[in-house]
Amino acid sequence: MSKSLIYRFTHKVIHRLELVLLVTFGAVHAAQLPTFEVLSQEAQSGDVWAMLNVGAAFDNGTFGQQIDPEKAVFWYRQAAEKGLAKAQFALAHSYATGNGLKQSYTEAMPWMHQAALQGEVDAMYLLGVMHAEGLGTTIDVEQAKSWLEKAAAQEHLDAADYLKKLQ
């Protein structure tokens, strides 16, 4: 996969991370969302969803926070190490793009794999692409097809398009 494919995909992912709050707290009015201070306290107390949301706030500059990729990676890693698939994907994506740490497909691969195993469809897609392109691993078209098929089965349109290219 070329770098440009990962970077184009980044914009879609960032917008999805901004919606994590709606998933975490349900469809609520903005006035009902927790403040950054509350999220930060919950993250420091070990709440993995709060960790992910604090990371996303630093990644996207939401909740009045300055964009700080290093702080985003810190919080993504905290939640990823506790097994949260969305955080594992966010950390893998940070490695793949070099956002907040040194770019490394090799470091991205195990986090992407863990997230994909837990059903994170974007991770399935990018894991398939990484196998197809030999990013962080050797080229393995069969593994690529397997992960892309799983993502496409969950209606991931980019995965379906990429699968067509591999045929």
N, C-alpha and C. Protein backbone atom coordinates (compact mmCIF):
# COMPACT_ATOMS: atom_id res chain seq x y z
N MET A 1 0.86 -1.17 0.00
CA MET A 1 0.00 0.00 0.00
C MET A 1 0.90 1.22 0.00
N SER A 2 0.60 2.13 -0.83
CA SER A 2 1.39 3.34 -0.85
C SER A 2 1.04 4.19 0.37
N LYS A 3 1.97 5.06 0.72
CA LYS A 3 1.71 5.96 1.86
C LYS A 3 0.44 6.75 1.62
N SER A 4 0.22 7.16 0.38
CA SER A 4 -0.94 8.01 0.12
C SER A 4 -2.25 7.30 0.46
N LEU A 5 -2.30 5.99 0.29
CA LEU A 5 -3.52 5.25 0.62
C LEU A 5 -3.78 5.31 2.13
N ILE A 6 -2.73 5.14 2.93
CA ILE A 6 -2.89 5.22 4.38
C ILE A 6 -3.30 6.64 4.78
N TYR A 7 -2.68 7.64 4.20
CA TYR A 7 -3.00 9.01 4.58
C TYR A 7 -4.41 9.40 4.15
N ARG A 8 -4.86 8.95 2.98
CA ARG A 8 -6.24 9.24 2.57
C ARG A 8 -7.22 8.57 3.53
N PHE A 9 -6.90 7.37 3.93
CA PHE A 9 -7.76 6.64 4.85
C PHE A 9 -7.80 7.33 6.21
N THR A 10 -6.71 8.01 6.57
CA THR A 10 -6.62 8.71 7.85
C THR A 10 -7.77 9.67 8.06
N HIS A 11 -8.12 10.41 7.03
CA HIS A 11 -9.18 11.40 7.19
C HIS A 11 -10.51 10.75 7.54
N LYS A 12 -10.79 9.60 6.97
CA LYS A 12 -12.01 8.87 7.32
C LYS A 12 -11.95 8.40 8.77
N VAL A 13 -10.81 7.91 9.18
CA VAL A 13 -10.66 7.37 10.53
C VAL A 13 -10.80 8.46 11.57
N ILE A 14 -10.19 9.60 11.34
CA ILE A 14 -10.26 10.69 12.32
C ILE A 14 -11.71 11.09 12.54
N HIS A 15 -12.49 11.17 11.49
CA HIS A 15 -13.89 11.54 11.67
C HIS A 15 -14.64 10.47 12.45
N ARG A 16 -14.27 9.21 12.28
CA ARG A 16 -14.92 8.14 13.06
C ARG A 16 -14.53 8.23 14.52
N LEU A 17 -13.28 8.59 14.82
CA LEU A 17 -12.87 8.71 16.22
C LEU A 17 -13.63 9.83 16.92
N GLU A 18 -13.95 10.88 16.19
CA GLU A 18 -14.72 11.95 16.80
C GLU A 18 -16.11 11.47 17.21
N LEU A 19 -16.58 10.41 16.58
CA LEU A 19 -17.90 9.87 16.91
C LEU A 19 -17.85 8.85 18.04
N VAL A 20 -16.65 8.53 18.52
CA VAL A 20 -16.52 7.55 19.59
C VAL A 20 -17.32 7.99 20.82
N LEU A 21 -17.36 9.27 21.07
CA LEU A 21 -18.12 9.76 22.22
C LEU A 21 -19.59 9.39 22.12
N LEU A 22 -20.13 9.44 20.92
CA LEU A 22 -21.53 9.08 20.76
C LEU A 22 -21.74 7.60 21.04
N VAL A 23 -20.78 6.78 20.64
CA VAL A 23 -20.87 5.35 20.91
C VAL A 23 -20.73 5.11 22.41
N THR A 24 -19.79 5.80 23.02
CA THR A 24 -19.49 5.59 24.43
C THR A 24 -20.63 6.05 25.33
N PHE A 25 -21.16 7.21 25.04
CA PHE A 25 -22.14 7.81 25.94
C PHE A 25 -23.56 7.77 25.39
N GLY A 26 -23.75 7.16 24.23
CA GLY A 26 -25.08 7.10 23.63
C GLY A 26 -25.38 8.41 22.91
N ALA A 27 -26.47 8.43 22.21
CA ALA A 27 -26.86 9.63 21.47
C ALA A 27 -27.38 10.66 22.49
N VAL A 28 -26.51 11.57 22.85
CA VAL A 28 -26.87 12.59 23.84
C VAL A 28 -26.65 13.97 23.24
N HIS A 29 -27.25 14.95 23.83
CA HIS A 29 -27.03 16.33 23.41
C HIS A 29 -25.64 16.77 23.86
N ALA A 30 -25.06 17.71 23.13
CA ALA A 30 -23.71 18.17 23.43
C ALA A 30 -23.58 18.63 24.88
N ALA A 31 -24.62 19.25 25.41
CA ALA A 31 -24.57 19.73 26.79
C ALA A 31 -24.46 18.59 27.80
N GLN A 32 -24.84 17.37 27.38
CA GLN A 32 -24.79 16.23 28.27
C GLN A 32 -23.46 15.47 28.20
N LEU A 33 -22.65 15.79 27.22
CA LEU A 33 -21.36 15.11 27.10
C LEU A 33 -20.47 15.52 28.28
N PRO A 34 -19.61 14.61 28.72
CA PRO A 34 -18.71 14.97 29.82
C PRO A 34 -17.70 16.02 29.37
N THR A 35 -17.23 16.78 30.31
CA THR A 35 -16.18 17.76 29.99
C THR A 35 -14.86 17.02 29.82
N PHE A 36 -13.89 17.69 29.25
CA PHE A 36 -12.58 17.09 29.09
C PHE A 36 -12.00 16.74 30.46
N GLU A 37 -12.24 17.57 31.44
CA GLU A 37 -11.72 17.32 32.77
C GLU A 37 -12.29 16.01 33.33
N VAL A 38 -13.58 15.79 33.14
CA VAL A 38 -14.21 14.55 33.61
C VAL A 38 -13.63 13.35 32.85
N LEU A 39 -13.52 13.47 31.53
CA LEU A 39 -12.93 12.38 30.74
C LEU A 39 -11.51 12.09 31.20
N SER A 40 -10.76 13.14 31.43
CA SER A 40 -9.37 12.98 31.86
C SER A 40 -9.28 12.25 33.20
N GLN A 41 -10.15 12.63 34.14
CA GLN A 41 -10.18 11.95 35.45
C GLN A 41 -10.55 10.48 35.28
N GLU A 42 -11.54 10.21 34.42
CA GLU A 42 -11.95 8.82 34.19
C GLU A 42 -10.83 8.03 33.53
N ALA A 43 -10.13 8.66 32.60
CA ALA A 43 -8.99 7.99 31.94
C ALA A 43 -7.91 7.66 32.96
N GLN A 44 -7.61 8.62 33.83
CA GLN A 44 -6.58 8.39 34.84
C GLN A 44 -7.01 7.33 35.85
N SER A 45 -8.32 7.11 35.97
CA SER A 45 -8.83 6.07 36.87
C SER A 45 -8.91 4.70 36.20
N GLY A 46 -8.54 4.64 34.91
CA GLY A 46 -8.47 3.35 34.23
C GLY A 46 -9.59 3.04 33.27
N ASP A 47 -10.51 3.98 33.02
CA ASP A 47 -11.60 3.75 32.08
C ASP A 47 -11.05 3.78 30.65
N VAL A 48 -11.11 2.63 29.97
CA VAL A 48 -10.49 2.53 28.64
C VAL A 48 -11.18 3.40 27.60
N TRP A 49 -12.51 3.53 27.70
CA TRP A 49 -13.19 4.39 26.73
C TRP A 49 -12.83 5.85 26.94
N ALA A 50 -12.66 6.24 28.18
CA ALA A 50 -12.22 7.61 28.46
C ALA A 50 -10.80 7.81 27.94
N MET A 51 -9.93 6.80 28.11
CA MET A 51 -8.57 6.89 27.58
C MET A 51 -8.59 7.12 26.07
N LEU A 52 -9.43 6.34 25.38
CA LEU A 52 -9.54 6.49 23.93
C LEU A 52 -10.03 7.89 23.57
N ASN A 53 -11.02 8.38 24.28
CA ASN A 53 -11.57 9.70 23.97
C ASN A 53 -10.60 10.83 24.30
N VAL A 54 -9.83 10.68 25.35
CA VAL A 54 -8.81 11.70 25.65
C VAL A 54 -7.76 11.68 24.54
N GLY A 55 -7.37 10.49 24.11
CA GLY A 55 -6.44 10.39 22.99
C GLY A 55 -7.00 11.04 21.73
N ALA A 56 -8.27 10.77 21.44
CA ALA A 56 -8.90 11.36 20.26
C ALA A 56 -8.99 12.88 20.38
N ALA A 57 -9.22 13.38 21.60
CA ALA A 57 -9.27 14.84 21.79
C ALA A 57 -7.93 15.47 21.44
N PHE A 58 -6.83 14.84 21.86
CA PHE A 58 -5.51 15.36 21.52
C PHE A 58 -5.17 15.14 20.05
N ASP A 59 -5.69 14.07 19.47
CA ASP A 59 -5.44 13.77 18.06
C ASP A 59 -6.15 14.76 17.15
N ASN A 60 -7.37 15.14 17.52
CA ASN A 60 -8.22 15.95 16.65
C ASN A 60 -8.37 17.41 17.08
N GLY A 61 -7.88 17.73 18.27
CA GLY A 61 -8.04 19.10 18.77
C GLY A 61 -9.47 19.39 19.21
N THR A 62 -10.14 18.37 19.75
CA THR A 62 -11.51 18.58 20.23
C THR A 62 -11.49 18.81 21.74
N PHE A 63 -12.64 19.14 22.28
CA PHE A 63 -12.78 19.44 23.72
C PHE A 63 -11.88 20.59 24.14
N GLY A 64 -11.57 21.48 23.20
CA GLY A 64 -10.75 22.64 23.51
C GLY A 64 -9.27 22.32 23.68
N GLN A 65 -8.86 21.14 23.29
CA GLN A 65 -7.45 20.74 23.43
C GLN A 65 -6.66 21.11 22.18
N GLN A 66 -5.42 21.47 22.39
CA GLN A 66 -4.51 21.68 21.27
C GLN A 66 -4.16 20.31 20.69
N ILE A 67 -4.00 20.23 19.39
CA ILE A 67 -3.57 18.98 18.78
C ILE A 67 -2.19 18.64 19.32
N ASP A 68 -2.06 17.44 19.86
CA ASP A 68 -0.81 16.97 20.44
C ASP A 68 -0.70 15.46 20.17
N PRO A 69 -0.11 15.10 19.02
CA PRO A 69 -0.05 13.69 18.64
C PRO A 69 0.65 12.79 19.66
N GLU A 70 1.66 13.31 20.36
CA GLU A 70 2.35 12.48 21.35
C GLU A 70 1.43 12.14 22.53
N LYS A 71 0.65 13.11 22.98
CA LYS A 71 -0.30 12.83 24.06
C LYS A 71 -1.39 11.88 23.57
N ALA A 72 -1.80 12.04 22.32
CA ALA A 72 -2.81 11.12 21.76
C ALA A 72 -2.28 9.69 21.79
N VAL A 73 -1.05 9.50 21.34
CA VAL A 73 -0.45 8.16 21.33
C VAL A 73 -0.34 7.60 22.74
N PHE A 74 0.03 8.45 23.70
CA PHE A 74 0.13 7.98 25.09
C PHE A 74 -1.20 7.37 25.53
N TRP A 75 -2.31 8.08 25.29
CA TRP A 75 -3.61 7.59 25.75
C TRP A 75 -4.11 6.42 24.91
N TYR A 76 -3.84 6.44 23.60
CA TYR A 76 -4.20 5.28 22.78
C TYR A 76 -3.49 4.03 23.29
N ARG A 77 -2.20 4.18 23.62
CA ARG A 77 -1.43 3.03 24.10
C ARG A 77 -1.98 2.50 25.43
N GLN A 78 -2.36 3.41 26.32
CA GLN A 78 -2.91 2.98 27.61
C GLN A 78 -4.14 2.09 27.40
N ALA A 79 -5.05 2.53 26.54
CA ALA A 79 -6.27 1.76 26.29
C ALA A 79 -5.98 0.51 25.46
N ALA A 80 -5.05 0.61 24.52
CA ALA A 80 -4.70 -0.54 23.67
C ALA A 80 -4.12 -1.67 24.50
N GLU A 81 -3.26 -1.32 25.44
CA GLU A 81 -2.65 -2.35 26.29
C GLU A 81 -3.68 -3.03 27.19
N LYS A 82 -4.81 -2.36 27.41
CA LYS A 82 -5.89 -2.96 28.20
C LYS A 82 -6.86 -3.74 27.32
N GLY A 83 -6.57 -3.80 26.01
CA GLY A 83 -7.33 -4.65 25.11
C GLY A 83 -8.45 -4.00 24.32
N LEU A 84 -8.58 -2.68 24.35
CA LEU A 84 -9.66 -2.01 23.62
C LEU A 84 -9.31 -1.97 22.12
N ALA A 85 -10.12 -2.64 21.30
CA ALA A 85 -9.83 -2.77 19.87
C ALA A 85 -9.72 -1.43 19.16
N LYS A 86 -10.61 -0.50 19.45
CA LYS A 86 -10.55 0.81 18.79
C LYS A 86 -9.26 1.54 19.13
N ALA A 87 -8.78 1.37 20.34
CA ALA A 87 -7.52 2.00 20.74
C ALA A 87 -6.34 1.28 20.09
N GLN A 88 -6.42 -0.03 19.98
CA GLN A 88 -5.36 -0.79 19.29
C GLN A 88 -5.27 -0.33 17.84
N PHE A 89 -6.43 -0.14 17.22
CA PHE A 89 -6.43 0.36 15.84
C PHE A 89 -5.84 1.77 15.78
N ALA A 90 -6.25 2.64 16.69
CA ALA A 90 -5.75 4.02 16.68
C ALA A 90 -4.23 4.04 16.87
N LEU A 91 -3.72 3.20 17.76
CA LEU A 91 -2.27 3.13 17.97
C LEU A 91 -1.58 2.59 16.72
N ALA A 92 -2.13 1.53 16.14
CA ALA A 92 -1.55 0.97 14.91
C ALA A 92 -1.54 2.02 13.80
N HIS A 93 -2.63 2.75 13.70
CA HIS A 93 -2.73 3.78 12.68
C HIS A 93 -1.71 4.89 12.91
N SER A 94 -1.48 5.22 14.18
CA SER A 94 -0.47 6.23 14.51
C SER A 94 0.92 5.76 14.07
N TYR A 95 1.22 4.48 14.33
CA TYR A 95 2.49 3.93 13.86
C TYR A 95 2.57 3.95 12.34
N ALA A 96 1.50 3.55 11.68
CA ALA A 96 1.51 3.45 10.22
C ALA A 96 1.71 4.81 9.55
N THR A 97 1.17 5.86 10.17
CA THR A 97 1.26 7.20 9.58
C THR A 97 2.39 8.03 10.17
N GLY A 98 2.97 7.58 11.29
CA GLY A 98 4.00 8.37 11.95
C GLY A 98 3.43 9.57 12.67
N ASN A 99 2.19 9.49 13.08
CA ASN A 99 1.55 10.59 13.79
C ASN A 99 1.76 10.43 15.29
N GLY A 100 2.68 11.21 15.84
CA GLY A 100 2.92 11.19 17.28
C GLY A 100 4.06 10.30 17.71
N LEU A 101 4.63 9.57 16.78
CA LEU A 101 5.78 8.71 17.05
C LEU A 101 6.46 8.38 15.74
N LYS A 102 7.58 7.69 15.82
CA LYS A 102 8.32 7.34 14.61
C LYS A 102 7.49 6.37 13.77
N GLN A 103 7.34 6.67 12.48
CA GLN A 103 6.57 5.82 11.58
C GLN A 103 7.22 4.45 11.47
N SER A 104 6.40 3.42 11.65
CA SER A 104 6.90 2.05 11.55
C SER A 104 5.75 1.09 11.25
N TYR A 105 5.76 0.53 10.06
CA TYR A 105 4.76 -0.47 9.72
C TYR A 105 4.98 -1.74 10.55
N THR A 106 6.22 -2.02 10.86
CA THR A 106 6.53 -3.21 11.67
C THR A 106 5.89 -3.10 13.05
N GLU A 107 5.95 -1.92 13.66
CA GLU A 107 5.32 -1.71 14.96
C GLU A 107 3.80 -1.64 14.83
N ALA A 108 3.31 -1.17 13.70
CA ALA A 108 1.86 -1.09 13.49
C ALA A 108 1.23 -2.47 13.36
N MET A 109 1.95 -3.40 12.75
CA MET A 109 1.38 -4.70 12.41
C MET A 109 0.75 -5.45 13.59
N PRO A 110 1.44 -5.66 14.72
CA PRO A 110 0.79 -6.44 15.79
C PRO A 110 -0.43 -5.76 16.39
N TRP A 111 -0.43 -4.44 16.47
CA TRP A 111 -1.59 -3.72 17.00
C TRP A 111 -2.75 -3.81 16.02
N MET A 112 -2.44 -3.69 14.73
CA MET A 112 -3.48 -3.80 13.71
C MET A 112 -4.09 -5.20 13.76
N HIS A 113 -3.24 -6.19 13.92
CA HIS A 113 -3.70 -7.58 13.97
C HIS A 113 -4.60 -7.82 15.18
N GLN A 114 -4.19 -7.32 16.34
CA GLN A 114 -5.01 -7.50 17.54
C GLN A 114 -6.39 -6.86 17.37
N ALA A 115 -6.42 -5.66 16.80
CA ALA A 115 -7.69 -4.97 16.60
C ALA A 115 -8.56 -5.72 15.60
N ALA A 116 -7.94 -6.24 14.55
CA ALA A 116 -8.69 -6.98 13.53
C ALA A 116 -9.27 -8.27 14.12
N LEU A 117 -8.50 -8.94 14.94
CA LEU A 117 -8.99 -10.17 15.57
C LEU A 117 -10.22 -9.92 16.44
N GLN A 118 -10.33 -8.70 16.96
CA GLN A 118 -11.49 -8.36 17.79
C GLN A 118 -12.65 -7.81 16.97
N GLY A 119 -12.50 -7.82 15.65
CA GLY A 119 -13.61 -7.42 14.80
C GLY A 119 -13.61 -5.97 14.35
N GLU A 120 -12.54 -5.25 14.60
CA GLU A 120 -12.47 -3.84 14.18
C GLU A 120 -12.31 -3.81 12.65
N VAL A 121 -13.37 -3.41 11.96
CA VAL A 121 -13.41 -3.55 10.50
C VAL A 121 -12.35 -2.71 9.80
N ASP A 122 -12.07 -1.51 10.28
CA ASP A 122 -11.03 -0.70 9.65
C ASP A 122 -9.66 -1.36 9.79
N ALA A 123 -9.44 -2.03 10.90
CA ALA A 123 -8.19 -2.76 11.11
C ALA A 123 -8.11 -3.95 10.16
N MET A 124 -9.23 -4.63 9.95
CA MET A 124 -9.24 -5.74 9.00
C MET A 124 -8.83 -5.26 7.62
N TYR A 125 -9.40 -4.14 7.22
CA TYR A 125 -9.08 -3.56 5.91
C TYR A 125 -7.59 -3.22 5.80
N LEU A 126 -7.09 -2.43 6.75
CA LEU A 126 -5.70 -2.01 6.64
C LEU A 126 -4.73 -3.17 6.83
N LEU A 127 -5.09 -4.14 7.65
CA LEU A 127 -4.25 -5.33 7.79
C LEU A 127 -4.18 -6.06 6.46
N GLY A 128 -5.30 -6.17 5.78
CA GLY A 128 -5.29 -6.79 4.45
C GLY A 128 -4.41 -6.04 3.48
N VAL A 129 -4.50 -4.74 3.49
CA VAL A 129 -3.69 -3.92 2.59
C VAL A 129 -2.21 -4.06 2.95
N MET A 130 -1.90 -4.08 4.24
CA MET A 130 -0.50 -4.22 4.66
C MET A 130 0.07 -5.56 4.17
N HIS A 131 -0.73 -6.63 4.26
CA HIS A 131 -0.28 -7.92 3.76
C HIS A 131 -0.12 -7.89 2.24
N ALA A 132 -1.02 -7.23 1.55
CA ALA A 132 -0.96 -7.15 0.09
C ALA A 132 0.26 -6.39 -0.39
N GLU A 133 0.62 -5.34 0.35
CA GLU A 133 1.72 -4.46 -0.07
C GLU A 133 3.05 -4.78 0.60
N GLY A 134 3.03 -5.69 1.56
CA GLY A 134 4.27 -6.02 2.26
C GLY A 134 4.74 -4.92 3.19
N LEU A 135 3.81 -4.26 3.85
CA LEU A 135 4.16 -3.19 4.78
C LEU A 135 4.21 -3.75 6.20
N GLY A 136 5.40 -3.83 6.76
CA GLY A 136 5.58 -4.36 8.11
C GLY A 136 5.59 -5.88 8.13
N THR A 137 5.53 -6.49 6.97
CA THR A 137 5.49 -7.95 6.83
C THR A 137 5.88 -8.28 5.40
N THR A 138 6.02 -9.57 5.12
CA THR A 138 6.24 -9.96 3.73
C THR A 138 4.90 -9.96 3.00
N ILE A 139 4.96 -9.81 1.70
CA ILE A 139 3.73 -9.85 0.90
C ILE A 139 3.11 -11.24 1.04
N ASP A 140 1.83 -11.25 1.37
CA ASP A 140 1.08 -12.50 1.51
C ASP A 140 -0.33 -12.24 0.97
N VAL A 141 -0.50 -12.53 -0.30
CA VAL A 141 -1.76 -12.22 -0.96
C VAL A 141 -2.92 -13.00 -0.36
N GLU A 142 -2.68 -14.23 0.07
CA GLU A 142 -3.76 -15.02 0.66
C GLU A 142 -4.23 -14.41 1.98
N GLN A 143 -3.29 -13.99 2.84
CA GLN A 143 -3.67 -13.31 4.08
C GLN A 143 -4.39 -12.00 3.76
N ALA A 144 -3.89 -11.29 2.76
CA ALA A 144 -4.52 -10.03 2.37
C ALA A 144 -5.96 -10.27 1.97
N LYS A 145 -6.18 -11.24 1.11
CA LYS A 145 -7.54 -11.53 0.66
C LYS A 145 -8.43 -11.94 1.83
N SER A 146 -7.90 -12.75 2.73
CA SER A 146 -8.68 -13.21 3.87
C SER A 146 -9.18 -12.03 4.70
N TRP A 147 -8.28 -11.10 5.04
CA TRP A 147 -8.69 -9.95 5.87
C TRP A 147 -9.59 -8.99 5.10
N LEU A 148 -9.29 -8.80 3.83
CA LEU A 148 -10.12 -7.90 3.02
C LEU A 148 -11.53 -8.48 2.84
N GLU A 149 -11.62 -9.79 2.67
CA GLU A 149 -12.93 -10.43 2.55
C GLU A 149 -13.74 -10.27 3.84
N LYS A 150 -13.07 -10.39 4.99
CA LYS A 150 -13.76 -10.21 6.27
C LYS A 150 -14.28 -8.77 6.40
N ALA A 151 -13.46 -7.81 5.99
CA ALA A 151 -13.88 -6.41 6.06
C ALA A 151 -15.00 -6.13 5.06
N ALA A 152 -14.86 -6.66 3.85
CA ALA A 152 -15.89 -6.44 2.83
C ALA A 152 -17.22 -7.07 3.26
N ALA A 153 -17.16 -8.21 3.95
CA ALA A 153 -18.38 -8.87 4.44
C ALA A 153 -19.12 -7.98 5.44
N GLN A 154 -18.39 -7.04 6.05
CA GLN A 154 -19.02 -6.09 6.97
C GLN A 154 -19.28 -4.76 6.26
N GLU A 155 -19.36 -4.83 4.94
CA GLU A 155 -19.71 -3.69 4.09
C GLU A 155 -18.68 -2.57 4.10
N HIS A 156 -17.42 -2.91 4.26
CA HIS A 156 -16.34 -1.92 4.15
C HIS A 156 -16.06 -1.73 2.66
N LEU A 157 -16.48 -0.60 2.11
CA LEU A 157 -16.40 -0.38 0.67
C LEU A 157 -14.97 -0.33 0.15
N ASP A 158 -14.06 0.27 0.92
CA ASP A 158 -12.67 0.31 0.49
C ASP A 158 -12.10 -1.10 0.37
N ALA A 159 -12.49 -1.98 1.29
CA ALA A 159 -12.01 -3.36 1.25
C ALA A 159 -12.53 -4.06 0.00
N ALA A 160 -13.79 -3.86 -0.31
CA ALA A 160 -14.36 -4.48 -1.51
C ALA A 160 -13.64 -3.99 -2.76
N ASP A 161 -13.35 -2.70 -2.82
CA ASP A 161 -12.64 -2.14 -3.97
C ASP A 161 -11.22 -2.70 -4.07
N TYR A 162 -10.55 -2.80 -2.94
CA TYR A 162 -9.17 -3.30 -2.95
C TYR A 162 -9.15 -4.77 -3.36
N LEU A 163 -10.12 -5.53 -2.91
CA LEU A 163 -10.21 -6.95 -3.30
C LEU A 163 -10.30 -7.09 -4.82
N LYS A 164 -11.06 -6.22 -5.46
CA LYS A 164 -11.17 -6.26 -6.93
C LYS A 164 -9.81 -6.08 -7.57
N LYS A 165 -8.97 -5.23 -7.00
CA LYS A 165 -7.63 -5.01 -7.55
C LYS A 165 -6.75 -6.23 -7.42
N LEU A 166 -7.00 -7.06 -6.41
CA LEU A 166 -6.19 -8.25 -6.19
C LEU A 166 -6.61 -9.43 -7.07
N GLN A 167 -7.78 -9.35 -7.68
CA GLN A 167 -8.28 -10.47 -8.50
C GLN A 167 -7.52 -10.57 -9.81
